Protein backbone atom coordinates (compact mmCIF):
# COMPACT_ATOMS: atom_id res chain seq x y z
CA MET A 1 243.63 -10.46 -137.69
CA LYS A 2 246.19 -7.66 -137.82
CA ARG A 3 249.69 -7.43 -139.21
CA ILE A 4 252.50 -8.79 -137.04
CA VAL A 5 256.01 -7.45 -137.45
CA LYS A 6 258.61 -10.03 -136.47
CA ARG A 7 261.47 -8.57 -134.49
CA ALA A 8 264.72 -10.18 -133.30
CA GLU A 9 264.67 -13.92 -132.69
CA PRO A 10 264.91 -14.77 -128.96
CA PRO A 11 268.57 -15.54 -128.06
CA LEU A 12 267.75 -18.89 -126.45
CA LEU A 13 265.97 -20.04 -129.62
CA THR A 14 268.90 -18.90 -131.75
CA SER A 15 271.46 -20.72 -129.65
CA TYR A 16 269.29 -23.85 -129.49
CA ASN A 17 268.88 -23.86 -133.27
CA THR A 18 272.64 -23.46 -133.67
CA ARG A 19 273.44 -26.34 -131.35
CA THR A 20 270.63 -28.72 -132.25
CA PRO A 21 269.02 -27.67 -135.55
CA GLN A 22 267.18 -30.97 -136.00
CA ASN A 23 265.54 -31.05 -132.57
CA THR A 24 261.80 -30.70 -132.24
CA TRP A 25 259.60 -28.02 -130.73
CA GLU A 26 258.65 -30.48 -127.99
CA GLN A 27 262.31 -30.86 -127.05
CA PHE A 28 262.88 -27.10 -127.07
CA ARG A 29 259.91 -26.29 -124.86
CA LYS A 30 260.91 -28.71 -122.09
CA GLU A 31 263.16 -26.09 -120.53
CA ARG A 32 261.05 -23.41 -118.88
CA SER A 33 263.52 -20.55 -119.41
CA ARG A 34 263.57 -21.14 -123.19
CA ARG A 35 259.81 -21.43 -123.38
CA GLN A 36 259.19 -18.33 -121.28
CA GLN A 37 261.66 -16.17 -123.22
CA LEU A 38 260.03 -17.21 -126.48
CA LYS A 39 256.54 -16.46 -125.22
CA ARG A 40 257.62 -13.04 -123.95
CA ALA A 41 259.05 -12.25 -127.38
CA LEU A 42 255.85 -13.36 -129.13
CA ARG A 43 253.71 -11.36 -126.76
CA THR A 44 255.83 -8.25 -127.36
CA ASN A 45 255.75 -8.74 -131.15
CA GLN A 46 251.99 -9.07 -131.15
CA GLY A 47 251.20 -6.36 -128.64
CA GLY A 48 249.61 -8.84 -126.27
CA ILE A 49 246.83 -10.13 -128.51
CA CYS A 50 246.14 -13.43 -130.28
CA ALA A 51 247.62 -13.61 -133.78
CA TYR A 52 244.31 -14.84 -135.18
CA CYS A 53 241.25 -13.62 -133.26
CA GLU A 54 242.94 -10.69 -131.41
CA ILE A 55 241.59 -11.57 -127.98
CA ASP A 56 243.95 -10.47 -125.23
CA LEU A 57 246.50 -13.15 -124.37
CA LYS A 58 246.28 -14.05 -120.67
CA GLU A 59 249.30 -15.06 -118.62
CA SER A 60 248.98 -17.68 -115.86
CA ASP A 61 246.83 -16.68 -112.89
CA ASP A 62 247.33 -17.81 -109.28
CA HIS A 63 246.13 -21.28 -110.23
CA GLY A 64 248.47 -21.63 -113.21
CA ASN A 65 245.71 -21.13 -115.76
CA ALA A 66 246.46 -19.06 -118.85
CA ASP A 67 245.06 -18.34 -122.29
CA PHE A 68 248.24 -18.21 -124.32
CA ARG A 69 250.14 -20.87 -126.24
CA VAL A 70 252.63 -21.07 -129.07
CA GLU A 71 251.16 -21.77 -132.50
CA HIS A 72 252.96 -22.85 -135.68
CA PHE A 73 251.44 -21.19 -138.76
CA HIS A 74 252.83 -23.95 -140.97
CA PRO A 75 252.32 -27.24 -139.12
CA LYS A 76 255.39 -28.37 -137.21
CA SER A 77 254.33 -31.92 -138.05
CA ASP A 78 255.11 -31.40 -141.75
CA LEU A 79 258.14 -33.56 -142.52
CA SER A 80 257.89 -33.33 -146.31
CA SER A 81 261.15 -31.37 -146.44
CA ASP A 82 264.29 -30.83 -144.35
CA HIS A 83 262.95 -27.53 -143.05
CA ASN A 84 262.42 -27.53 -139.28
CA TRP A 85 259.07 -25.76 -139.01
CA GLY A 86 258.92 -26.39 -135.28
CA LEU A 87 261.83 -24.07 -134.49
CA ASP A 88 261.48 -21.49 -137.27
CA TRP A 89 261.05 -18.10 -135.58
CA GLN A 90 259.19 -16.77 -138.62
CA ASN A 91 256.68 -19.60 -138.24
CA LEU A 92 255.88 -19.06 -134.56
CA LEU A 93 252.89 -17.11 -133.29
CA GLY A 94 251.24 -16.41 -129.94
CA CYS A 95 247.71 -17.76 -129.88
CA CYS A 96 244.81 -18.09 -127.45
CA HIS A 97 243.44 -21.54 -126.62
CA GLY A 98 240.56 -21.08 -129.05
CA GLY A 99 237.94 -21.93 -126.45
CA ASN A 100 238.99 -25.57 -125.96
CA GLN A 101 240.77 -25.49 -122.59
CA ARG A 102 238.76 -26.06 -119.41
CA HIS A 103 241.50 -24.74 -117.13
CA VAL A 104 241.92 -21.27 -118.55
CA VAL A 105 241.71 -17.71 -117.25
CA ASP A 106 238.06 -16.53 -117.25
CA ALA A 107 236.95 -20.06 -118.07
CA ASP A 108 233.26 -19.17 -117.78
CA GLU A 109 233.62 -17.11 -120.97
CA ARG A 110 236.74 -18.55 -122.61
CA PHE A 111 236.00 -22.29 -122.39
CA THR A 112 233.19 -22.78 -124.89
CA PRO A 113 233.03 -26.35 -126.28
CA PRO A 114 232.37 -27.08 -129.07
CA ASP A 115 232.59 -23.42 -130.12
CA PHE A 116 236.29 -23.47 -131.02
CA SER A 117 238.39 -21.07 -133.10
CA CYS A 118 241.91 -20.07 -134.15
CA ASP A 119 244.46 -22.92 -134.15
CA VAL A 120 241.95 -25.52 -132.91
CA PRO A 121 239.99 -25.98 -136.18
CA LYS A 122 243.15 -25.22 -138.14
CA ALA A 123 244.94 -28.17 -136.50
CA ASP A 124 247.67 -29.65 -138.73
CA GLN A 125 246.25 -28.48 -142.04
CA VAL A 126 248.68 -26.82 -144.43
CA LEU A 127 246.84 -23.58 -145.15
CA ASP A 128 249.77 -21.36 -146.15
CA ASN A 129 248.22 -20.48 -149.52
CA VAL A 130 244.62 -20.67 -148.32
CA ILE A 131 244.38 -18.22 -145.42
CA LEU A 132 246.03 -14.93 -144.51
CA ASN A 133 249.39 -15.06 -142.76
CA PRO A 134 249.42 -12.26 -140.16
CA MET A 135 253.14 -11.75 -140.79
CA GLU A 136 252.49 -11.03 -144.46
CA ILE A 137 249.32 -8.92 -144.56
CA PRO A 138 249.68 -5.16 -145.09
CA ALA A 139 249.39 -2.58 -142.33
CA PHE A 140 247.04 -0.54 -144.55
CA PRO A 141 244.24 -0.67 -145.41
CA CYS A 142 242.21 -2.76 -142.97
CA LEU A 143 241.07 -5.97 -144.68
CA PHE A 144 238.01 -6.41 -142.47
CA LEU A 145 234.67 -4.82 -141.73
CA VAL A 146 232.67 -5.45 -138.57
CA GLU A 147 228.93 -5.55 -137.97
CA ARG A 148 228.36 -3.57 -134.78
CA SER A 149 225.00 -5.12 -133.95
CA SER A 150 226.36 -8.68 -134.05
CA GLY A 151 230.14 -8.44 -133.69
CA GLU A 152 230.57 -10.39 -136.93
CA LEU A 153 233.72 -9.85 -138.99
CA LYS A 154 233.44 -9.59 -142.76
CA LYS A 155 235.82 -8.95 -145.62
CA ASN A 156 236.44 -5.36 -146.66
CA LYS A 157 236.27 -5.85 -150.42
CA PRO A 158 237.49 -2.35 -151.40
CA GLY A 159 240.32 -2.63 -148.85
CA CYS A 160 241.34 -6.01 -150.22
CA GLU A 161 241.35 -4.67 -153.76
CA THR A 162 243.50 -1.70 -152.74
CA ALA A 163 245.95 -3.98 -150.93
CA GLY A 164 246.01 -6.55 -153.72
CA VAL A 165 244.74 -9.27 -151.38
CA ALA A 166 242.40 -11.91 -152.77
CA THR A 167 238.98 -11.62 -151.15
CA ASP A 168 238.55 -15.39 -151.09
CA LYS A 169 241.64 -15.58 -148.86
CA VAL A 170 239.94 -13.30 -146.35
CA ASP A 171 236.77 -15.42 -146.55
CA ASN A 172 238.83 -18.57 -146.06
CA THR A 173 240.54 -17.03 -143.04
CA LEU A 174 237.23 -16.24 -141.38
CA HIS A 175 235.92 -19.72 -142.16
CA GLN A 176 238.97 -21.91 -141.47
CA LEU A 177 239.87 -20.18 -138.20
CA ARG A 178 236.21 -19.74 -137.22
CA LEU A 179 236.76 -16.09 -136.39
CA ASN A 180 233.01 -15.59 -136.12
CA ALA A 181 232.56 -18.23 -133.45
CA GLU A 182 229.85 -17.19 -131.02
CA ARG A 183 232.40 -16.64 -128.23
CA LEU A 184 234.31 -14.14 -130.36
CA THR A 185 231.32 -12.25 -131.74
CA LYS A 186 230.06 -11.85 -128.17
CA PHE A 187 233.35 -10.31 -127.05
CA ARG A 188 233.48 -8.03 -130.08
CA LYS A 189 229.90 -6.87 -129.65
CA ARG A 190 230.59 -5.99 -126.02
CA ILE A 191 233.50 -3.76 -127.05
CA LEU A 192 231.62 -2.20 -129.96
CA ASP A 193 228.57 -1.50 -127.80
CA LYS A 194 230.83 0.36 -125.38
CA LEU A 195 232.36 2.35 -128.24
CA ASN A 196 228.91 3.15 -129.58
CA GLN A 197 227.88 4.41 -126.14
CA GLU A 198 230.97 6.63 -126.01
CA MET A 199 230.13 7.92 -129.49
CA ARG A 200 226.60 8.80 -128.39
CA GLN A 201 227.90 10.65 -125.36
CA GLN A 202 230.27 12.70 -127.51
CA VAL A 203 227.58 13.57 -130.06
CA SER A 204 225.11 14.44 -127.29
CA ALA A 205 227.71 16.89 -125.97
CA GLY A 206 227.76 18.65 -129.34
CA VAL A 207 230.78 16.93 -130.90
CA SER A 208 230.45 15.99 -134.58
CA VAL A 209 230.45 12.30 -135.50
CA ALA A 210 233.78 12.65 -137.35
CA GLU A 211 235.42 14.45 -134.43
CA ALA A 212 234.03 11.88 -131.99
CA ARG A 213 235.50 9.05 -134.05
CA LYS A 214 238.82 10.91 -134.17
CA LYS A 215 238.85 11.26 -130.38
CA LEU A 216 237.96 7.62 -129.82
CA ALA A 217 240.64 6.47 -132.26
CA LYS A 218 243.26 8.36 -130.27
CA ILE A 219 242.00 6.87 -127.02
CA HIS A 220 241.52 3.26 -128.06
CA LEU A 221 243.89 2.56 -130.96
CA ARG A 222 247.13 2.79 -129.05
CA LYS A 223 249.31 0.56 -126.94
CA ASN A 224 248.88 0.70 -123.17
CA SER A 225 251.64 1.14 -120.59
CA HIS A 226 252.53 -2.55 -120.97
CA GLY A 227 252.98 -2.24 -124.73
CA ASN A 228 249.75 -4.05 -125.58
CA TRP A 229 247.23 -3.22 -128.27
CA PRO A 230 243.53 -3.32 -127.31
CA ALA A 231 241.81 -6.67 -127.71
CA PHE A 232 239.98 -6.97 -131.05
CA PHE A 233 242.06 -4.16 -132.50
CA SER A 234 240.82 -4.70 -136.07
CA SER A 235 237.16 -4.53 -135.00
CA ILE A 236 237.73 -1.19 -133.26
CA ARG A 237 239.66 0.01 -136.30
CA ALA A 238 236.92 -1.03 -138.70
CA TYR A 239 234.20 0.54 -136.56
CA LEU A 240 235.98 3.91 -136.38
CA GLY A 241 236.62 3.92 -140.14
CA THR A 242 238.46 6.76 -141.85
CA GLU A 243 239.32 8.49 -138.60
CA ALA A 244 240.99 5.29 -137.36
CA GLU A 245 243.05 5.04 -140.56
CA ASN A 246 244.11 8.67 -140.27
CA HIS A 247 245.12 8.19 -136.65
CA LEU A 248 247.15 5.05 -137.40
CA GLN A 249 248.90 6.82 -140.25
CA ALA A 250 249.70 9.71 -137.92
CA ILE A 251 251.33 7.43 -135.33
CA SER A 252 253.29 5.59 -138.06
CA TYR A 253 251.54 2.30 -137.38
CA THR A 254 253.27 -0.64 -139.05
CA GLY A 255 251.65 -3.59 -137.28
């Protein structure tokens, strides 16, 4: 999970909220133009990756299959107050399907019942004070470590202490969202193995480990021509360590 910086609310959501502030998310999403504008805004805000696991969000293919839906951090079903969580821009996130959709892009790897993650195990639980909110975590330092040999995410205890983030909140995030589901660790390991191979090639060519990490940070920790961050950004960041932090500072990374 990485920090998400919320930018301007989509105009169609703003106008809808002004006209019909008590309407539901289900009513809003019925019109395709509203739904599509909102999803484009979320994708741009998040640099094309899932707010929770950081897999790349997939738009619909030729068969209409995608791996991208709108998630409400605080459950939209919560009616304990007058607040309309369903249409609150600050409560909306772009999320993958968490492995539970049969008709999805790359279904052979992304449909993995019962190995679900992200918003699927979260469901309608109110976890606001239990797990990390990607819109509230700091840009620095990274709150996670990654085990290269397995692709498993772990808490970065020193990083949490520096940021003033409770370590149990990071543990809860990993557990409640199942961010170490087998599907996700497999994807992470694949990326980290590739990075490790690139590191070996650099070192074999006479480049120091630190310089190799610096080069790889510049190559991989940047947005592509479509404005998207690399999938599993935080895993790459954690693997490249200090050189990744220095690079992100140099490019004025904010989220």
